[in-house]
Amino acid sequence: MAFTIDESSLLIKGRQGDTASFTFNFSQDMSAYTVHFYVKKNLNDAEALIEKEYANSTTGSITVNLTSTDTEKLTSKGSGYGVYYWGVKINNGIDFAQTIIPQEFKNPPMMYIYPEIGGS
């Protein structure tokens, strides 16, 4: 199972230990911003299990690449799946920061992690 993202619900599904790549397109020049992608086990966790940072993009899009080392940190529950939460936040390092996923005050998007198949 490759990692997938449902564009309407923003649900990400994948297997522990697999790599993933997601591209986020922005409607403006992002060169003045740093984009943070993060994954947490619980919404109130102070630390993210995975955090990726991308700065000075001149293309209007950011591609988040998760390595097998990243996704090894995400575990499943037996033969079922583990539930995590993810988001995207931008800032300019000075006086502006905004969470752009999730927007408004809706439920944050989830990530389902299924068991790894085979060894590394």
PDB file of N, CA and C in Angstrom:
ATOM      1  N   MET A   1       0.851  -1.178   0.000  1.00  0.00           N
ATOM      2  CA  MET A   1       0.000   0.000   0.000  1.00  0.00           C
ATOM      3  C   MET A   1       0.895   1.238   0.000  1.00  0.00           C
ATOM      4  N   ALA A   2       0.782   2.020  -1.018  1.00  0.00           N
ATOM      5  CA  ALA A   2       1.493   3.296  -1.047  1.00  0.00           C
ATOM      6  C   ALA A   2       0.735   4.285  -0.168  1.00  0.00           C
ATOM      7  N   PHE A   3       1.420   5.301   0.329  1.00  0.00           N
ATOM      8  CA  PHE A   3       0.722   6.345   1.075  1.00  0.00           C
ATOM      9  C   PHE A   3      -0.227   7.064   0.126  1.00  0.00           C
ATOM     10  N   THR A   4      -1.425   7.344   0.619  1.00  0.00           N
ATOM     11  CA  THR A   4      -2.410   8.076  -0.169  1.00  0.00           C
ATOM     12  C   THR A   4      -2.976   9.202   0.686  1.00  0.00           C
ATOM     13  N   ILE A   5      -3.481  10.225   0.018  1.00  0.00           N
ATOM     14  CA  ILE A   5      -4.160  11.313   0.712  1.00  0.00           C
ATOM     15  C   ILE A   5      -5.480  11.568  -0.012  1.00  0.00           C
ATOM     16  N   ASP A   6      -6.561  11.549   0.747  1.00  0.00           N
ATOM     17  CA  ASP A   6      -7.881  11.838   0.194  1.00  0.00           C
ATOM     18  C   ASP A   6      -8.042  13.356   0.181  1.00  0.00           C
ATOM     19  N   GLU A   7      -8.205  13.921  -1.001  1.00  0.00           N
ATOM     20  CA  GLU A   7      -8.236  15.383  -1.119  1.00  0.00           C
ATOM     21  C   GLU A   7      -9.448  16.030  -0.470  1.00  0.00           C
ATOM     22  N   SER A   8     -10.550  15.299  -0.313  1.00  0.00           N
ATOM     23  CA  SER A   8     -11.725  15.916   0.310  1.00  0.00           C
ATOM     24  C   SER A   8     -11.676  15.837   1.830  1.00  0.00           C
ATOM     25  N   SER A   9     -11.277  14.699   2.392  1.00  0.00           N
ATOM     26  CA  SER A   9     -11.237  14.558   3.850  1.00  0.00           C
ATOM     27  C   SER A   9      -9.852  14.838   4.433  1.00  0.00           C
ATOM     28  N   LEU A  10      -8.821  14.874   3.574  1.00  0.00           N
ATOM     29  CA  LEU A  10      -7.415  15.045   3.957  1.00  0.00           C
ATOM     30  C   LEU A  10      -6.880  13.863   4.765  1.00  0.00           C
ATOM     31  N   LEU A  11      -7.565  12.728   4.735  1.00  0.00           N
ATOM     32  CA  LEU A  11      -7.102  11.522   5.424  1.00  0.00           C
ATOM     33  C   LEU A  11      -5.922  10.928   4.664  1.00  0.00           C
ATOM     34  N   ILE A  12      -4.829  10.713   5.384  1.00  0.00           N
ATOM     35  CA  ILE A  12      -3.651  10.061   4.823  1.00  0.00           C
ATOM     36  C   ILE A  12      -3.636   8.627   5.333  1.00  0.00           C
ATOM     37  N   LYS A  13      -3.357   7.672   4.443  1.00  0.00           N
ATOM     38  CA  LYS A  13      -3.223   6.258   4.815  1.00  0.00           C
ATOM     39  C   LYS A  13      -1.895   5.743   4.287  1.00  0.00           C
ATOM     40  N   GLY A  14      -1.230   4.917   5.104  1.00  0.00           N
ATOM     41  CA  GLY A  14       0.033   4.322   4.670  1.00  0.00           C
ATOM     42  C   GLY A  14       0.497   3.259   5.634  1.00  0.00           C
ATOM     43  N   ARG A  15       1.607   2.627   5.282  1.00  0.00           N
ATOM     44  CA  ARG A  15       2.185   1.568   6.122  1.00  0.00           C
ATOM     45  C   ARG A  15       3.423   2.060   6.863  1.00  0.00           C
ATOM     46  N   GLN A  16       3.559   1.580   8.065  1.00  0.00           N
ATOM     47  CA  GLN A  16       4.734   1.868   8.878  1.00  0.00           C
ATOM     48  C   GLN A  16       5.975   1.412   8.107  1.00  0.00           C
ATOM     49  N   GLY A  17       6.995   2.243   8.074  1.00  0.00           N
ATOM     50  CA  GLY A  17       8.250   1.892   7.424  1.00  0.00           C
ATOM     51  C   GLY A  17       8.316   2.211   5.947  1.00  0.00           C
ATOM     52  N   ASP A  18       7.204   2.615   5.326  1.00  0.00           N
ATOM     53  CA  ASP A  18       7.209   2.982   3.907  1.00  0.00           C
ATOM     54  C   ASP A  18       7.536   4.468   3.752  1.00  0.00           C
ATOM     55  N   THR A  19       8.005   4.838   2.572  1.00  0.00           N
ATOM     56  CA  THR A  19       8.263   6.239   2.277  1.00  0.00           C
ATOM     57  C   THR A  19       7.006   6.882   1.698  1.00  0.00           C
ATOM     58  N   ALA A  20       6.941   8.197   1.765  1.00  0.00           N
ATOM     59  CA  ALA A  20       5.776   8.923   1.249  1.00  0.00           C
ATOM     60  C   ALA A  20       6.217  10.278   0.719  1.00  0.00           C
ATOM     61  N   SER A  21       5.425  10.808  -0.197  1.00  0.00           N
ATOM     62  CA  SER A  21       5.683  12.116  -0.753  1.00  0.00           C
ATOM     63  C   SER A  21       4.348  12.797  -1.033  1.00  0.00           C
ATOM     64  N   PHE A  22       4.172  14.015  -0.519  1.00  0.00           N
ATOM     65  CA  PHE A  22       2.948  14.787  -0.704  1.00  0.00           C
ATOM     66  C   PHE A  22       3.318  16.189  -1.178  1.00  0.00           C
ATOM     67  N   THR A  23       2.616  16.686  -2.180  1.00  0.00           N
ATOM     68  CA  THR A  23       2.866  18.035  -2.677  1.00  0.00           C
ATOM     69  C   THR A  23       1.693  18.935  -2.306  1.00  0.00           C
ATOM     70  N   PHE A  24       2.015  20.060  -1.700  1.00  0.00           N
ATOM     71  CA  PHE A  24       1.017  21.064  -1.334  1.00  0.00           C
ATOM     72  C   PHE A  24       1.244  22.281  -2.220  1.00  0.00           C
ATOM     73  N   ASN A  25       0.192  22.686  -2.924  1.00  0.00           N
ATOM     74  CA  ASN A  25       0.266  23.835  -3.826  1.00  0.00           C
ATOM     75  C   ASN A  25      -0.333  25.065  -3.156  1.00  0.00           C
ATOM     76  N   PHE A  26       0.360  26.179  -3.287  1.00  0.00           N
ATOM     77  CA  PHE A  26      -0.076  27.430  -2.688  1.00  0.00           C
ATOM     78  C   PHE A  26      -0.413  28.424  -3.794  1.00  0.00           C
ATOM     79  N   SER A  27      -1.325  29.324  -3.507  1.00  0.00           N
ATOM     80  CA  SER A  27      -1.766  30.283  -4.519  1.00  0.00           C
ATOM     81  C   SER A  27      -0.955  31.574  -4.491  1.00  0.00           C
ATOM     82  N   GLN A  28       0.176  31.550  -3.813  1.00  0.00           N
ATOM     83  CA  GLN A  28       1.019  32.738  -3.736  1.00  0.00           C
ATOM     84  C   GLN A  28       2.479  32.328  -3.652  1.00  0.00           C
ATOM     85  N   ASP A  29       3.340  33.292  -3.834  1.00  0.00           N
ATOM     86  CA  ASP A  29       4.780  33.084  -3.712  1.00  0.00           C
ATOM     87  C   ASP A  29       5.091  32.748  -2.259  1.00  0.00           C
ATOM     88  N   MET A  30       5.762  31.649  -2.025  1.00  0.00           N
ATOM     89  CA  MET A  30       6.056  31.207  -0.655  1.00  0.00           C
ATOM     90  C   MET A  30       7.500  31.488  -0.247  1.00  0.00           C
ATOM     91  N   SER A  31       8.238  32.237  -1.051  1.00  0.00           N
ATOM     92  CA  SER A  31       9.661  32.440  -0.771  1.00  0.00           C
ATOM     93  C   SER A  31       9.922  33.174   0.540  1.00  0.00           C
ATOM     94  N   ALA A  32       8.957  33.923   1.055  1.00  0.00           N
ATOM     95  CA  ALA A  32       9.143  34.653   2.316  1.00  0.00           C
ATOM     96  C   ALA A  32       8.728  33.823   3.536  1.00  0.00           C
ATOM     97  N   TYR A  33       8.257  32.600   3.305  1.00  0.00           N
ATOM     98  CA  TYR A  33       7.700  31.786   4.394  1.00  0.00           C
ATOM     99  C   TYR A  33       8.458  30.485   4.603  1.00  0.00           C
ATOM    100  N   THR A  34       8.357  30.006   5.812  1.00  0.00           N
ATOM    101  CA  THR A  34       8.796  28.656   6.137  1.00  0.00           C
ATOM    102  C   THR A  34       7.544  27.827   6.345  1.00  0.00           C
ATOM    103  N   VAL A  35       7.500  26.663   5.725  1.00  0.00           N
ATOM    104  CA  VAL A  35       6.353  25.770   5.815  1.00  0.00           C
ATOM    105  C   VAL A  35       6.737  24.608   6.716  1.00  0.00           C
ATOM    106  N   HIS A  36       5.868  24.320   7.688  1.00  0.00           N
ATOM    107  CA  HIS A  36       6.092  23.209   8.621  1.00  0.00           C
ATOM    108  C   HIS A  36       5.006  22.159   8.416  1.00  0.00           C
ATOM    109  N   PHE A  37       5.415  20.922   8.193  1.00  0.00           N
ATOM    110  CA  PHE A  37       4.506  19.773   8.151  1.00  0.00           C
ATOM    111  C   PHE A  37       4.790  18.979   9.416  1.00  0.00           C
ATOM    112  N   TYR A  38       3.741  18.597  10.133  1.00  0.00           N
ATOM    113  CA  TYR A  38       3.971  17.862  11.369  1.00  0.00           C
ATOM    114  C   TYR A  38       2.936  16.755  11.548  1.00  0.00           C
ATOM    115  N   VAL A  39       3.350  15.729  12.298  1.00  0.00           N
ATOM    116  CA  VAL A  39       2.484  14.602  12.642  1.00  0.00           C
ATOM    117  C   VAL A  39       2.596  14.390  14.145  1.00  0.00           C
ATOM    118  N   LYS A  40       1.431  14.302  14.806  1.00  0.00           N
ATOM    119  CA  LYS A  40       1.388  14.083  16.255  1.00  0.00           C
ATOM    120  C   LYS A  40       0.510  12.879  16.576  1.00  0.00           C
ATOM    121  N   LYS A  41       0.815  12.208  17.666  1.00  0.00           N
ATOM    122  CA  LYS A  41      -0.033  11.107  18.127  1.00  0.00           C
ATOM    123  C   LYS A  41      -1.305  11.657  18.752  1.00  0.00           C
ATOM    124  N   ASN A  42      -1.167  12.670  19.578  1.00  0.00           N
ATOM    125  CA  ASN A  42      -2.304  13.307  20.245  1.00  0.00           C
ATOM    126  C   ASN A  42      -2.276  14.796  19.936  1.00  0.00           C
ATOM    127  N   LEU A  43      -3.427  15.386  19.802  1.00  0.00           N
ATOM    128  CA  LEU A  43      -3.507  16.802  19.438  1.00  0.00           C
ATOM    129  C   LEU A  43      -2.768  17.708  20.407  1.00  0.00           C
ATOM    130  N   ASN A  44      -2.789  17.373  21.682  1.00  0.00           N
ATOM    131  CA  ASN A  44      -2.193  18.243  22.698  1.00  0.00           C
ATOM    132  C   ASN A  44      -0.722  17.957  22.967  1.00  0.00           C
ATOM    133  N   ASP A  45      -0.113  17.031  22.227  1.00  0.00           N
ATOM    134  CA  ASP A  45       1.304  16.738  22.423  1.00  0.00           C
ATOM    135  C   ASP A  45       2.144  17.981  22.124  1.00  0.00           C
ATOM    136  N   ALA A  46       3.091  18.267  23.000  1.00  0.00           N
ATOM    137  CA  ALA A  46       3.960  19.426  22.790  1.00  0.00           C
ATOM    138  C   ALA A  46       4.930  19.177  21.633  1.00  0.00           C
ATOM    139  N   GLU A  47       5.358  17.957  21.473  1.00  0.00           N
ATOM    140  CA  GLU A  47       6.327  17.601  20.437  1.00  0.00           C
ATOM    141  C   GLU A  47       5.662  16.786  19.339  1.00  0.00           C
ATOM    142  N   ALA A  48       6.058  17.045  18.122  1.00  0.00           N
ATOM    143  CA  ALA A  48       5.582  16.253  16.988  1.00  0.00           C
ATOM    144  C   ALA A  48       6.480  15.030  16.831  1.00  0.00           C
ATOM    145  N   LEU A  49       5.892  13.909  16.415  1.00  0.00           N
ATOM    146  CA  LEU A  49       6.684  12.718  16.111  1.00  0.00           C
ATOM    147  C   LEU A  49       7.485  12.927  14.835  1.00  0.00           C
ATOM    148  N   ILE A  50       6.877  13.621  13.896  1.00  0.00           N
ATOM    149  CA  ILE A  50       7.542  13.971  12.639  1.00  0.00           C
ATOM    150  C   ILE A  50       7.313  15.458  12.401  1.00  0.00           C
ATOM    151  N   GLU A  51       8.381  16.179  12.089  1.00  0.00           N
ATOM    152  CA  GLU A  51       8.243  17.573  11.683  1.00  0.00           C
ATOM    153  C   GLU A  51       9.229  17.833  10.558  1.00  0.00           C
ATOM    154  N   LYS A  52       8.717  18.355   9.482  1.00  0.00           N
ATOM    155  CA  LYS A  52       9.533  18.705   8.319  1.00  0.00           C
ATOM    156  C   LYS A  52       9.402  20.195   8.100  1.00  0.00           C
ATOM    157  N   GLU A  53      10.494  20.832   7.734  1.00  0.00           N
ATOM    158  CA  GLU A  53      10.512  22.282   7.532  1.00  0.00           C
ATOM    159  C   GLU A  53      11.076  22.593   6.154  1.00  0.00           C
ATOM    160  N   TYR A  54      10.383  23.466   5.426  1.00  0.00           N
ATOM    161  CA  TYR A  54      10.791  23.844   4.077  1.00  0.00           C
ATOM    162  C   TYR A  54      10.772  25.363   3.987  1.00  0.00           C
ATOM    163  N   ALA A  55      11.874  25.944   3.541  1.00  0.00           N
ATOM    164  CA  ALA A  55      11.980  27.403   3.492  1.00  0.00           C
ATOM    165  C   ALA A  55      12.340  27.873   2.086  1.00  0.00           C
ATOM    166  N   ASN A  56      11.920  29.092   1.786  1.00  0.00           N
ATOM    167  CA  ASN A  56      12.320  29.809   0.571  1.00  0.00           C
ATOM    168  C   ASN A  56      11.914  29.121  -0.727  1.00  0.00           C
ATOM    169  N   SER A  57      10.738  28.531  -0.755  1.00  0.00           N
ATOM    170  CA  SER A  57      10.258  27.910  -1.980  1.00  0.00           C
ATOM    171  C   SER A  57       9.845  28.992  -2.973  1.00  0.00           C
ATOM    172  N   THR A  58      10.372  28.915  -4.165  1.00  0.00           N
ATOM    173  CA  THR A  58      10.019  29.886  -5.199  1.00  0.00           C
ATOM    174  C   THR A  58       9.062  29.295  -6.224  1.00  0.00           C
ATOM    175  N   THR A  59       8.620  28.055  -6.005  1.00  0.00           N
ATOM    176  CA  THR A  59       7.773  27.385  -6.992  1.00  0.00           C
ATOM    177  C   THR A  59       6.288  27.498  -6.692  1.00  0.00           C
ATOM    178  N   GLY A  60       5.899  27.939  -5.494  1.00  0.00           N
ATOM    179  CA  GLY A  60       4.486  27.978  -5.136  1.00  0.00           C
ATOM    180  C   GLY A  60       3.972  26.641  -4.655  1.00  0.00           C
ATOM    181  N   SER A  61       4.872  25.681  -4.481  1.00  0.00           N
ATOM    182  CA  SER A  61       4.469  24.385  -3.937  1.00  0.00           C
ATOM    183  C   SER A  61       5.588  23.842  -3.056  1.00  0.00           C
ATOM    184  N   ILE A  62       5.186  22.959  -2.153  1.00  0.00           N
ATOM    185  CA  ILE A  62       6.131  22.291  -1.251  1.00  0.00           C
ATOM    186  C   ILE A  62       5.884  20.799  -1.366  1.00  0.00           C
ATOM    187  N   THR A  63       6.941  20.024  -1.527  1.00  0.00           N
ATOM    188  CA  THR A  63       6.814  18.569  -1.525  1.00  0.00           C
ATOM    189  C   THR A  63       7.390  18.045  -0.231  1.00  0.00           C
ATOM    190  N   VAL A  64       6.537  17.417   0.563  1.00  0.00           N
ATOM    191  CA  VAL A  64       6.942  16.826   1.834  1.00  0.00           C
ATOM    192  C   VAL A  64       7.351  15.391   1.554  1.00  0.00           C
ATOM    193  N   ASN A  65       8.566  15.048   1.938  1.00  0.00           N
ATOM    194  CA  ASN A  65       9.066  13.687   1.762  1.00  0.00           C
ATOM    195  C   ASN A  65       9.260  13.038   3.121  1.00  0.00           C
ATOM    196  N   LEU A  66       8.579  11.926   3.332  1.00  0.00           N
ATOM    197  CA  LEU A  66       8.747  11.151   4.560  1.00  0.00           C
ATOM    198  C   LEU A  66       9.609   9.942   4.243  1.00  0.00           C
ATOM    199  N   THR A  67      10.645   9.736   5.042  1.00  0.00           N
ATOM    200  CA  THR A  67      11.533   8.596   4.858  1.00  0.00           C
ATOM    201  C   THR A  67      10.997   7.394   5.627  1.00  0.00           C
ATOM    202  N   SER A  68      11.574   6.232   5.377  1.00  0.00           N
ATOM    203  CA  SER A  68      11.166   5.052   6.139  1.00  0.00           C
ATOM    204  C   SER A  68      11.506   5.237   7.618  1.00  0.00           C
ATOM    205  N   THR A  69      12.570   5.968   7.923  1.00  0.00           N
ATOM    206  CA  THR A  69      12.918   6.265   9.316  1.00  0.00           C
ATOM    207  C   THR A  69      11.829   7.112   9.964  1.00  0.00           C
ATOM    208  N   ASP A  70      11.281   8.063   9.219  1.00  0.00           N
ATOM    209  CA  ASP A  70      10.179   8.884   9.735  1.00  0.00           C
ATOM    210  C   ASP A  70       8.977   8.012  10.068  1.00  0.00           C
ATOM    211  N   THR A  71       8.549   7.192   9.121  1.00  0.00           N
ATOM    212  CA  THR A  71       7.303   6.443   9.304  1.00  0.00           C
ATOM    213  C   THR A  71       7.470   5.253  10.239  1.00  0.00           C
ATOM    214  N   GLU A  72       8.711   4.843  10.527  1.00  0.00           N
ATOM    215  CA  GLU A  72       8.937   3.806  11.546  1.00  0.00           C
ATOM    216  C   GLU A  72       8.494   4.292  12.926  1.00  0.00           C
ATOM    217  N   LYS A  73       8.477   5.614  13.144  1.00  0.00           N
ATOM    218  CA  LYS A  73       8.057   6.200  14.420  1.00  0.00           C
ATOM    219  C   LYS A  73       6.555   6.077  14.640  1.00  0.00           C
ATOM    220  N   LEU A  74       5.813   5.787  13.568  1.00  0.00           N
ATOM    221  CA  LEU A  74       4.357   5.702  13.626  1.00  0.00           C
ATOM    222  C   LEU A  74       3.964   4.229  13.684  1.00  0.00           C
ATOM    223  N   THR A  75       3.246   3.855  14.722  1.00  0.00           N
ATOM    224  CA  THR A  75       2.927   2.443  14.908  1.00  0.00           C
ATOM    225  C   THR A  75       1.451   2.164  14.673  1.00  0.00           C
ATOM    226  N   SER A  76       1.177   0.909  14.387  1.00  0.00           N
ATOM    227  CA  SER A  76      -0.206   0.466  14.211  1.00  0.00           C
ATOM    228  C   SER A  76      -0.642  -0.255  15.476  1.00  0.00           C
ATOM    229  N   LYS A  77      -1.908  -0.619  15.526  1.00  0.00           N
ATOM    230  CA  LYS A  77      -2.440  -1.352  16.678  1.00  0.00           C
ATOM    231  C   LYS A  77      -2.746  -2.776  16.229  1.00  0.00           C
ATOM    232  N   GLY A  78      -1.839  -3.693  16.548  1.00  0.00           N
ATOM    233  CA  GLY A  78      -2.038  -5.082  16.148  1.00  0.00           C
ATOM    234  C   GLY A  78      -2.148  -5.191  14.646  1.00  0.00           C
ATOM    235  N   SER A  79      -3.219  -5.815  14.179  1.00  0.00           N
ATOM    236  CA  SER A  79      -3.421  -5.934  12.736  1.00  0.00           C
ATOM    237  C   SER A  79      -4.263  -4.774  12.201  1.00  0.00           C
ATOM    238  N   GLY A  80      -4.665  -3.855  13.092  1.00  0.00           N
ATOM    239  CA  GLY A  80      -5.439  -2.680  12.681  1.00  0.00           C
ATOM    240  C   GLY A  80      -4.512  -1.531  12.351  1.00  0.00           C
ATOM    241  N   TYR A  81      -4.996  -0.329  12.535  1.00  0.00           N
ATOM    242  CA  TYR A  81      -4.190   0.848  12.211  1.00  0.00           C
ATOM    243  C   TYR A  81      -4.070   1.770  13.409  1.00  0.00           C
ATOM    244  N   GLY A  82      -2.975   2.535  13.445  1.00  0.00           N
ATOM    245  CA  GLY A  82      -2.772   3.571  14.444  1.00  0.00           C
ATOM    246  C   GLY A  82      -3.278   4.890  13.902  1.00  0.00           C
ATOM    247  N   VAL A  83      -3.804   5.743  14.771  1.00  0.00           N
ATOM    248  CA  VAL A  83      -4.355   7.023  14.353  1.00  0.00           C
ATOM    249  C   VAL A  83      -3.434   8.150  14.814  1.00  0.00           C
ATOM    250  N   TYR A  84      -3.118   9.041  13.880  1.00  0.00           N
ATOM    251  CA  TYR A  84      -2.276  10.207  14.142  1.00  0.00           C
ATOM    252  C   TYR A  84      -2.965  11.431  13.544  1.00  0.00           C
ATOM    253  N   TYR A  85      -2.470  12.588  13.897  1.00  0.00           N
ATOM    254  CA  TYR A  85      -3.002  13.854  13.395  1.00  0.00           C
ATOM    255  C   TYR A  85      -1.874  14.615  12.713  1.00  0.00           C
ATOM    256  N   TRP A  86      -2.194  15.304  11.623  1.00  0.00           N
ATOM    257  CA  TRP A  86      -1.164  16.051  10.913  1.00  0.00           C
ATOM    258  C   TRP A  86      -1.671  17.451  10.572  1.00  0.00           C
ATOM    259  N   GLY A  87      -0.733  18.323  10.240  1.00  0.00           N
ATOM    260  CA  GLY A  87      -1.103  19.677   9.872  1.00  0.00           C
ATOM    261  C   GLY A  87       0.019  20.380   9.136  1.00  0.00           C
ATOM    262  N   VAL A  88      -0.293  21.552   8.607  1.00  0.00           N
ATOM    263  CA  VAL A  88       0.675  22.388   7.906  1.00  0.00           C
ATOM    264  C   VAL A  88       0.532  23.808   8.454  1.00  0.00           C
ATOM    265  N   LYS A  89       1.661  24.388   8.808  1.00  0.00           N
ATOM    266  CA  LYS A  89       1.675  25.743   9.350  1.00  0.00           C
ATOM    267  C   LYS A  89       2.747  26.532   8.611  1.00  0.00           C
ATOM    268  N   ILE A  90       2.476  27.807   8.360  1.00  0.00           N
ATOM    269  CA  ILE A  90       3.471  28.671   7.724  1.00  0.00           C
ATOM    270  C   ILE A  90       3.817  29.826   8.658  1.00  0.00           C
ATOM    271  N   ASN A  91       5.049  30.336   8.526  1.00  0.00           N
ATOM    272  CA  ASN A  91       5.426  31.545   9.254  1.00  0.00           C
ATOM    273  C   ASN A  91       6.519  32.263   8.483  1.00  0.00           C
ATOM    274  N   ASN A  92       6.679  33.530   8.813  1.00  0.00           N
ATOM    275  CA  ASN A  92       7.740  34.304   8.158  1.00  0.00           C
ATOM    276  C   ASN A  92       8.905  34.563   9.099  1.00  0.00           C
ATOM    277  N   GLY A  93       8.882  33.931  10.267  1.00  0.00           N
ATOM    278  CA  GLY A  93       9.991  34.051  11.207  1.00  0.00           C
ATOM    279  C   GLY A  93      10.027  35.353  11.977  1.00  0.00           C
ATOM    280  N   ILE A  94       9.097  36.258  11.712  1.00  0.00           N
ATOM    281  CA  ILE A  94       9.134  37.560  12.367  1.00  0.00           C
ATOM    282  C   ILE A  94       7.854  37.804  13.158  1.00  0.00           C
ATOM    283  N   ASP A  95       6.785  38.057  12.436  1.00  0.00           N
ATOM    284  CA  ASP A  95       5.561  38.455  13.112  1.00  0.00           C
ATOM    285  C   ASP A  95       4.306  37.817  12.519  1.00  0.00           C
ATOM    286  N   PHE A  96       4.478  36.716  11.781  1.00  0.00           N
ATOM    287  CA  PHE A  96       3.317  36.081  11.170  1.00  0.00           C
ATOM    288  C   PHE A  96       3.454  34.566  11.250  1.00  0.00           C
ATOM    289  N   ALA A  97       2.386  33.918  11.717  1.00  0.00           N
ATOM    290  CA  ALA A  97       2.293  32.458  11.706  1.00  0.00           C
ATOM    291  C   ALA A  97       0.832  32.100  11.513  1.00  0.00           C
ATOM    292  N   GLN A  98       0.578  31.101  10.685  1.00  0.00           N
ATOM    293  CA  GLN A  98      -0.803  30.691  10.438  1.00  0.00           C
ATOM    294  C   GLN A  98      -0.856  29.204  10.151  1.00  0.00           C
ATOM    295  N   THR A  99      -1.779  28.520  10.833  1.00  0.00           N
ATOM    296  CA  THR A  99      -2.056  27.127  10.516  1.00  0.00           C
ATOM    297  C   THR A  99      -2.952  27.128   9.293  1.00  0.00           C
ATOM    298  N   ILE A 100      -2.521  26.455   8.226  1.00  0.00           N
ATOM    299  CA  ILE A 100      -3.339  26.448   7.013  1.00  0.00           C
ATOM    300  C   ILE A 100      -4.046  25.116   6.795  1.00  0.00           C
ATOM    301  N   ILE A 101      -3.580  24.069   7.428  1.00  0.00           N
ATOM    302  CA  ILE A 101      -4.302  22.794   7.462  1.00  0.00           C
ATOM    303  C   ILE A 101      -4.224  22.317   8.900  1.00  0.00           C
ATOM    304  N   PRO A 102      -5.317  22.193   9.601  1.00  0.00           N
ATOM    305  CA  PRO A 102      -6.688  22.414   9.137  1.00  0.00           C
ATOM    306  C   PRO A 102      -7.037  23.899   9.124  1.00  0.00           C
ATOM    307  N   GLN A 103      -7.952  24.259   8.260  1.00  0.00           N
ATOM    308  CA  GLN A 103      -8.440  25.626   8.212  1.00  0.00           C
ATOM    309  C   GLN A 103      -9.598  25.773   9.172  1.00  0.00           C
ATOM    310  N   GLU A 104      -9.864  26.985   9.556  1.00  0.00           N
ATOM    311  CA  GLU A 104     -10.924  27.317  10.500  1.00  0.00           C
ATOM    312  C   GLU A 104     -10.723  26.497  11.779  1.00  0.00           C
ATOM    313  N   PHE A 105     -11.790  26.027  12.378  1.00  0.00           N
ATOM    314  CA  PHE A 105     -11.657  25.260  13.617  1.00  0.00           C
ATOM    315  C   PHE A 105     -12.234  23.873  13.451  1.00  0.00           C
ATOM    316  N   LYS A 106     -12.093  23.334  12.256  1.00  0.00           N
ATOM    317  CA  LYS A 106     -12.571  21.989  11.982  1.00  0.00           C
ATOM    318  C   LYS A 106     -11.623  20.976  12.595  1.00  0.00           C
ATOM    319  N   ASN A 107     -12.065  19.734  12.628  1.00  0.00           N
ATOM    320  CA  ASN A 107     -11.222  18.660  13.139  1.00  0.00           C
ATOM    321  C   ASN A 107      -9.949  18.561  12.310  1.00  0.00           C
ATOM    322  N   PRO A 108      -8.834  18.349  12.958  1.00  0.00           N
ATOM    323  CA  PRO A 108      -7.574  18.226  12.219  1.00  0.00           C
ATOM    324  C   PRO A 108      -7.576  16.943  11.383  1.00  0.00           C
ATOM    325  N   PRO A 109      -6.881  16.972  10.259  1.00  0.00           N
ATOM    326  CA  PRO A 109      -6.830  15.777   9.425  1.00  0.00           C
ATOM    327  C   PRO A 109      -6.087  14.651  10.127  1.00  0.00           C
ATOM    328  N   MET A 110      -6.491  13.442   9.794  1.00  0.00           N
ATOM    329  CA  MET A 110      -5.909  12.265  10.447  1.00  0.00           C
ATOM    330  C   MET A 110      -5.022  11.494   9.478  1.00  0.00           C
ATOM    331  N   MET A 111      -4.178  10.671  10.066  1.00  0.00           N
ATOM    332  CA  MET A 111      -3.308   9.771   9.323  1.00  0.00           C
ATOM    333  C   MET A 111      -3.491   8.387   9.923  1.00  0.00           C
ATOM    334  N   TYR A 112      -3.809   7.417   9.089  1.00  0.00           N
ATOM    335  CA  TYR A 112      -3.939   6.026   9.531  1.00  0.00           C
ATOM    336  C   TYR A 112      -2.672   5.284   9.108  1.00  0.00           C
ATOM    337  N   ILE A 113      -2.025   4.641  10.083  1.00  0.00           N
ATOM    338  CA  ILE A 113      -0.821   3.875   9.812  1.00  0.00           C
ATOM    339  C   ILE A 113      -1.119   2.401  10.017  1.00  0.00           C
ATOM    340  N   TYR A 114      -0.922   1.637   8.952  1.00  0.00           N
ATOM    341  CA  TYR A 114      -1.167   0.197   8.959  1.00  0.00           C
ATOM    342  C   TYR A 114       0.144  -0.532   9.224  1.00  0.00           C
ATOM    343  N   PRO A 115       0.056  -1.815   9.649  1.00  0.00           N
ATOM    344  CA  PRO A 115       1.280  -2.546   9.986  1.00  0.00           C
ATOM    345  C   PRO A 115       2.244  -2.672   8.809  1.00  0.00           C
ATOM    346  N   GLU A 116       3.507  -2.704   9.161  1.00  0.00           N
ATOM    347  CA  GLU A 116       4.561  -2.920   8.178  1.00  0.00           C
ATOM    348  C   GLU A 116       4.463  -4.356   7.679  1.00  0.00           C
ATOM    349  N   ILE A 117       4.731  -4.544   6.421  1.00  0.00           N
ATOM    350  CA  ILE A 117       4.755  -5.900   5.857  1.00  0.00           C
ATOM    351  C   ILE A 117       6.197  -6.237   5.524  1.00  0.00           C
ATOM    352  N   GLY A 118       6.683  -7.323   6.090  1.00  0.00           N
ATOM    353  CA  GLY A 118       8.067  -7.721   5.841  1.00  0.00           C
ATOM    354  C   GLY A 118       9.025  -6.895   6.674  1.00  0.00           C
ATOM    355  N   GLY A 119      10.286  -7.191   6.541  1.00  0.00           N
ATOM    356  CA  GLY A 119      11.323  -6.472   7.295  1.00  0.00           C
ATOM    357  C   GLY A 119      11.916  -5.361   6.475  1.00  0.00           C
ATOM    358  N   SER A 120      12.774  -4.598   7.116  1.00  0.00           N
ATOM    359  CA  SER A 120      13.413  -3.467   6.435  1.00  0.00           C
ATOM    360  C   SER A 120      14.506  -3.962   5.503  1.00  0.00           C
TER     361      SER A 120
END
